[in-house]
Protein backbone atom coordinates (compact mmCIF):
# COMPACT_ATOMS: atom_id res chain seq x y z
CA MET A 1 68.97 34.72 85.64
CA LEU A 2 71.64 33.08 88.35
CA SER A 3 71.16 34.27 91.24
CA LEU A 4 73.39 36.88 93.29
CA ALA A 5 76.15 34.71 94.55
CA GLU A 6 76.27 32.16 91.30
CA TYR A 7 77.08 35.45 89.60
CA VAL A 8 79.59 36.26 92.39
CA ALA A 9 81.41 33.25 91.57
CA LYS A 10 81.19 33.46 87.74
CA ALA A 11 82.96 37.13 88.26
CA SER A 12 85.12 36.27 91.02
CA SER A 13 87.66 33.83 88.78
CA LYS A 14 90.08 35.82 88.97
CA GLY A 15 90.01 36.26 92.97
CA VAL A 16 87.97 37.87 95.54
CA PRO A 17 85.67 40.69 93.55
CA ARG A 18 85.53 44.34 94.67
CA PRO A 19 82.88 45.29 96.08
CA GLY A 20 81.80 47.26 93.32
CA VAL A 21 81.35 44.25 91.04
CA ILE A 22 79.06 42.95 94.04
CA LEU A 23 76.88 46.46 93.49
CA ALA A 24 77.29 46.57 89.89
CA ILE A 25 75.70 42.51 89.51
CA ARG A 26 73.31 43.96 92.74
CA MET A 27 72.28 46.68 89.37
CA SER A 28 72.15 44.34 86.90
CA ILE A 29 69.82 42.03 88.49
CA LEU A 30 67.65 44.64 89.58
CA ALA A 31 66.92 46.02 85.79
CA MET A 32 65.92 42.75 84.78
CA LYS A 33 63.29 42.53 87.45
CA LEU A 34 62.46 45.66 86.57
CA LEU A 35 62.09 45.32 82.87
CA GLU A 36 60.67 41.85 83.91
CA ILE A 37 63.31 39.60 81.85
CA ASP A 38 63.49 36.02 83.44
CA ASP A 39 66.88 35.21 80.79
CA PRO A 40 68.72 37.75 79.97
CA ALA A 41 70.93 35.54 77.61
CA ALA A 42 67.12 34.68 75.51
CA PHE A 43 67.23 38.83 74.84
CA HIS A 44 70.60 38.65 72.62
CA ARG A 45 70.30 41.64 70.86
CA LYS A 46 67.16 43.21 72.36
CA LEU A 47 68.09 44.51 74.86
CA ILE A 48 70.31 47.79 75.08
CA VAL A 49 72.40 49.61 78.41
CA VAL A 50 73.91 52.58 78.64
CA ALA A 51 76.77 52.79 81.19
CA GLU A 52 77.42 55.79 83.04
CA THR A 53 80.87 54.84 83.86
CA ASP A 54 84.44 52.67 82.36
CA ARG A 55 85.13 51.22 85.79
CA CYS A 56 84.08 47.85 87.19
CA LEU A 57 80.33 47.70 85.09
CA PRO A 58 80.87 47.80 82.06
CA ASP A 59 82.02 44.34 82.76
CA ILE A 60 79.83 43.88 84.63
CA LEU A 61 77.09 44.14 82.84
CA GLU A 62 78.60 41.70 79.79
CA LEU A 63 78.96 39.10 82.31
CA VAL A 64 75.45 39.17 83.50
CA LEU A 65 72.93 40.53 80.25
CA GLY A 66 75.86 39.38 77.85
CA CYS A 67 75.43 43.08 76.50
CA ARG A 68 79.24 44.02 74.58
CA LEU A 69 80.16 47.24 72.37
CA GLY A 70 80.78 44.77 70.07
CA ASN A 71 77.11 43.81 68.91
CA ARG A 72 76.74 47.20 69.94
CA THR A 73 73.95 46.40 73.00
CA LEU A 74 76.27 48.11 75.43
CA LYS A 75 76.57 52.06 75.17
CA PHE A 76 79.20 54.14 77.44
CA ARG A 77 79.10 57.82 78.20
CA ASP A 78 81.85 58.72 80.62
CA TRP A 79 79.45 60.95 83.04
CA GLY A 80 81.83 59.44 85.79
CA LYS A 81 78.51 57.66 87.74
CA MET A 82 78.06 54.87 89.24
CA ALA A 83 74.39 54.04 86.76
CA ALA A 84 72.71 52.42 83.85
CA SER A 85 69.68 52.93 81.38
CA PHE A 86 68.15 49.69 80.35
CA LEU A 87 66.02 49.94 77.70
CA ASP A 88 64.54 46.34 76.14
CA VAL A 89 63.96 46.95 72.73
CA THR A 90 61.09 44.40 72.40
CA ARG A 91 58.70 46.37 74.72
CA GLY A 92 60.12 50.01 74.40
CA ARG A 93 60.63 49.98 78.13
CA ALA A 94 63.40 51.65 79.79
CA CYS A 95 64.93 52.47 82.98
CA ARG A 96 67.50 54.14 85.11
CA ILE A 97 69.13 52.86 88.14
CA VAL A 98 72.10 55.09 89.85
CA ALA A 99 73.82 53.54 93.08
CA LEU A 100 72.97 55.76 96.36
CA GLU A 101 75.98 57.17 97.91
CA THR A 102 74.70 57.24 101.26
CA VAL A 103 76.12 53.32 101.22
CA GLU A 104 79.05 52.92 102.08
CA PRO A 105 78.79 55.00 105.65
CA GLU A 106 75.72 53.07 106.42
CA ALA A 107 78.64 49.85 105.29
CA VAL A 108 80.58 50.70 107.70
CA ASN A 109 78.48 51.22 110.98
CA CYS A 110 76.45 48.41 110.18
CA PHE A 111 80.11 46.07 109.50
CA ASN A 112 82.31 48.05 111.88
CA HIS A 113 83.98 45.09 112.53
CA LEU A 114 84.94 43.87 109.01
CA SER A 115 87.15 46.37 106.95
CA ARG A 116 85.70 48.66 104.79
CA ASP A 117 85.84 47.20 101.19
CA ASP A 118 84.24 43.78 103.34
CA ALA A 119 81.89 46.13 104.88
CA LEU A 120 81.17 47.42 101.57
CA ALA A 121 81.19 44.15 99.96
CA GLU A 122 78.61 42.49 102.79
CA ALA A 123 76.16 45.58 102.42
CA TYR A 124 76.24 45.56 99.10
CA ARG A 125 75.01 41.37 99.09
CA VAL A 126 72.43 41.90 102.05
CA PHE A 127 70.96 45.57 101.82
CA PRO A 128 67.36 45.66 99.76
CA ASP A 129 67.50 47.14 96.79
CA GLU A 130 65.99 50.66 98.21
CA ARG A 131 69.01 51.21 100.25
CA LEU A 132 71.69 50.66 97.82
CA PHE A 133 69.91 52.35 94.48
CA ARG A 134 67.21 54.78 93.09
CA TRP A 135 66.09 53.99 89.94
CA THR A 136 62.81 55.24 87.56
CA PRO A 137 61.44 54.69 84.58
CA ILE A 138 62.84 56.67 81.50
CA ILE A 139 62.55 57.50 77.56
CA LEU A 140 65.66 56.39 75.72
CA ASN A 141 66.24 58.10 72.34
CA PHE A 142 68.40 56.36 70.12
CA ARG A 143 68.42 57.13 66.20
CA PRO A 144 68.00 54.50 63.81
CA GLU A 145 71.97 53.87 63.30
CA ASP A 146 72.62 52.99 67.23
CA PHE A 147 70.52 50.04 66.95
CA PRO A 148 71.83 46.55 66.58
CA GLY A 149 72.02 45.10 63.29
CA TYR A 150 72.10 49.02 61.70
CA PRO A 151 73.85 48.49 57.87
CA ALA A 152 75.87 50.59 58.26
CA ASP A 153 77.21 52.79 55.08
CA ARG A 154 80.87 54.30 55.39
CA VAL A 155 81.78 57.42 54.35
CA LEU A 156 85.58 58.77 53.60
CA CYS A 157 86.45 62.40 56.00
CA GLN A 158 87.64 64.83 53.04
CA ARG A 159 90.28 65.96 55.22
CA CYS A 160 91.88 62.54 56.40
CA GLY A 161 90.49 60.95 54.43
CA GLU A 162 89.92 57.88 56.74
CA GLY A 163 86.54 55.86 56.87
CA ILE A 164 83.59 57.02 59.13
CA ALA A 165 80.10 54.69 59.96
CA PHE A 166 76.95 55.22 61.81
CA ARG A 167 76.49 58.52 60.47
CA ARG A 168 79.30 59.82 62.97
CA GLU A 169 80.22 62.23 59.86
CA ILE A 170 79.84 65.47 60.58
CA ARG A 171 79.11 68.27 57.70
CA ARG A 172 81.01 71.46 58.43
CA ASP A 173 81.47 73.97 55.80
CA GLY A 174 80.24 72.02 52.61
CA LEU A 175 82.64 69.09 53.80
CA THR A 176 82.21 65.92 55.15
CA LEU A 177 84.46 65.55 58.28
CA CYS A 178 85.23 63.07 60.78
CA ARG A 179 84.73 63.93 64.46
CA SER A 180 88.27 64.51 64.52
CA CYS A 181 88.66 66.28 61.32
CA ALA A 182 85.95 68.45 62.86
CA GLY A 183 87.82 69.24 66.07
CA GLU A 184 86.54 67.01 68.94
CA THR A 185 90.09 65.17 68.60
CA TYR A 186 90.90 63.22 72.01
CA TRP A 187 94.51 62.89 70.87
CA GLU A 188 97.12 64.91 69.13
CA LEU A 189 100.13 63.95 66.51
């Protein structure tokens, strides 16, 4: 695993990283320590992460851990929290890490000679994990179709005719429906 400075340098290719980027890197490194994983690249498709925000966290999870939506090792639940759950599939161990909201006033107080963002960035670099995060061991329950490599059969929605994979269809009133036709749409015509 790379050091914090090395990951920050990788994340800095498009300019100075925002404080949340540094915090997300620290969260990823902490997860690897908790799960006793030395080389995240060696865990390709054996680590599944659930990100609870769509800000910088998913991008950093991909950068540090190699988890991606496209290979089904990164999951997204929009709960608006700077938090993530990490599952080591090979050993069945998981933990959830959440960033503490108390850090900002501490950072501004400790580094009062810096701007807010610079104070946060510095705090995220130097504060111990215990001041930045709360973590707990958890059990993550995924269905077989949620794991990487699952052979996905496709069914057709009997209302719109679109294909549905990974058992995401809904059976209602004797019909096989996609989530949109079942009323769970996020868009409208």
